[in-house]
């Protein structure tokens, strides 16, 4: 019955694995709910900021504010890549790294000098393996990012862009559309491009103080909010991807258990049949 004991051991191992993946699926589901709540809270504020900025924007203002500066060429670029610190999320991090590599290859081919700012152990590990230099490596951002985290990522880059040291800043993140859809995206953060076609009612604004003073505070807030939104959407996407991966692992474990138990039962039945045949054969020999 060595085969039967081996099968029982495998069945026990798979059952334990299924318990772990089911627990991780439940934890990811709980975290995803909180993360999607943060995404839902961040989007209306971003839309409101964009609407105000689009109403205030004019070519005259663009000449006065460095964050609206349109460089003649983009030879110095910074790319922020958001990934997770943990795995077990399917192809979530691999897709983000693939998207970042595609953009890097595009800019490298154009002759631009690109700085890579990577958030998350998975992204850092991938680019270390590729021997790609990284200007910044951050692993201190958890799955509950804050506005301060966003400011810490972008404020120094805003200063450098305003001084002309950088020509553009982009961010690669996971856009949360649903628990099953979190496509990687690369969006321009700087220079600021006022959104058009907000889609809401056309409102008139009474400006106090002047448009210049409002833009002086609004532009940095708009940029920081873009980074914060990318952080919370990536965090939600990570939990959604992990929930899906753990659900698939649990389902696969259940299928394996079904096959193992069927094989074990067949082996057990074969052994019982053999034992009965041996007893019958022995009894016949004694009677003979």
Foldseek 3Di string as FASTA:
>chain_A
DVVLVVLVVVLVVLVVVLVVLVVLLVVLVVLLVVLVVVLVVLVVVLLVLLLVCVVLDDPVLLVVALLSDQDPDFQEEEEEQEDAQDDLLPCLRVQSLVVVVVVVVVNVVVNHHYAYAYEYPSNVVVVVVVVDDHPHYHDPAHLDDDLVNLCVVPVVVVVCSSVVVGNWYKYWAFAAPDLVHTHIDIDTLGSDDRDPCSPDDDDDDDDPPDSNVCCVVSSVVSSSSVSVSRSSRRSSNSSSSSSVSSVVSSVVSVVVSVVSVVVSVVVVVVVVVVVVVVVVVVVVVVVD
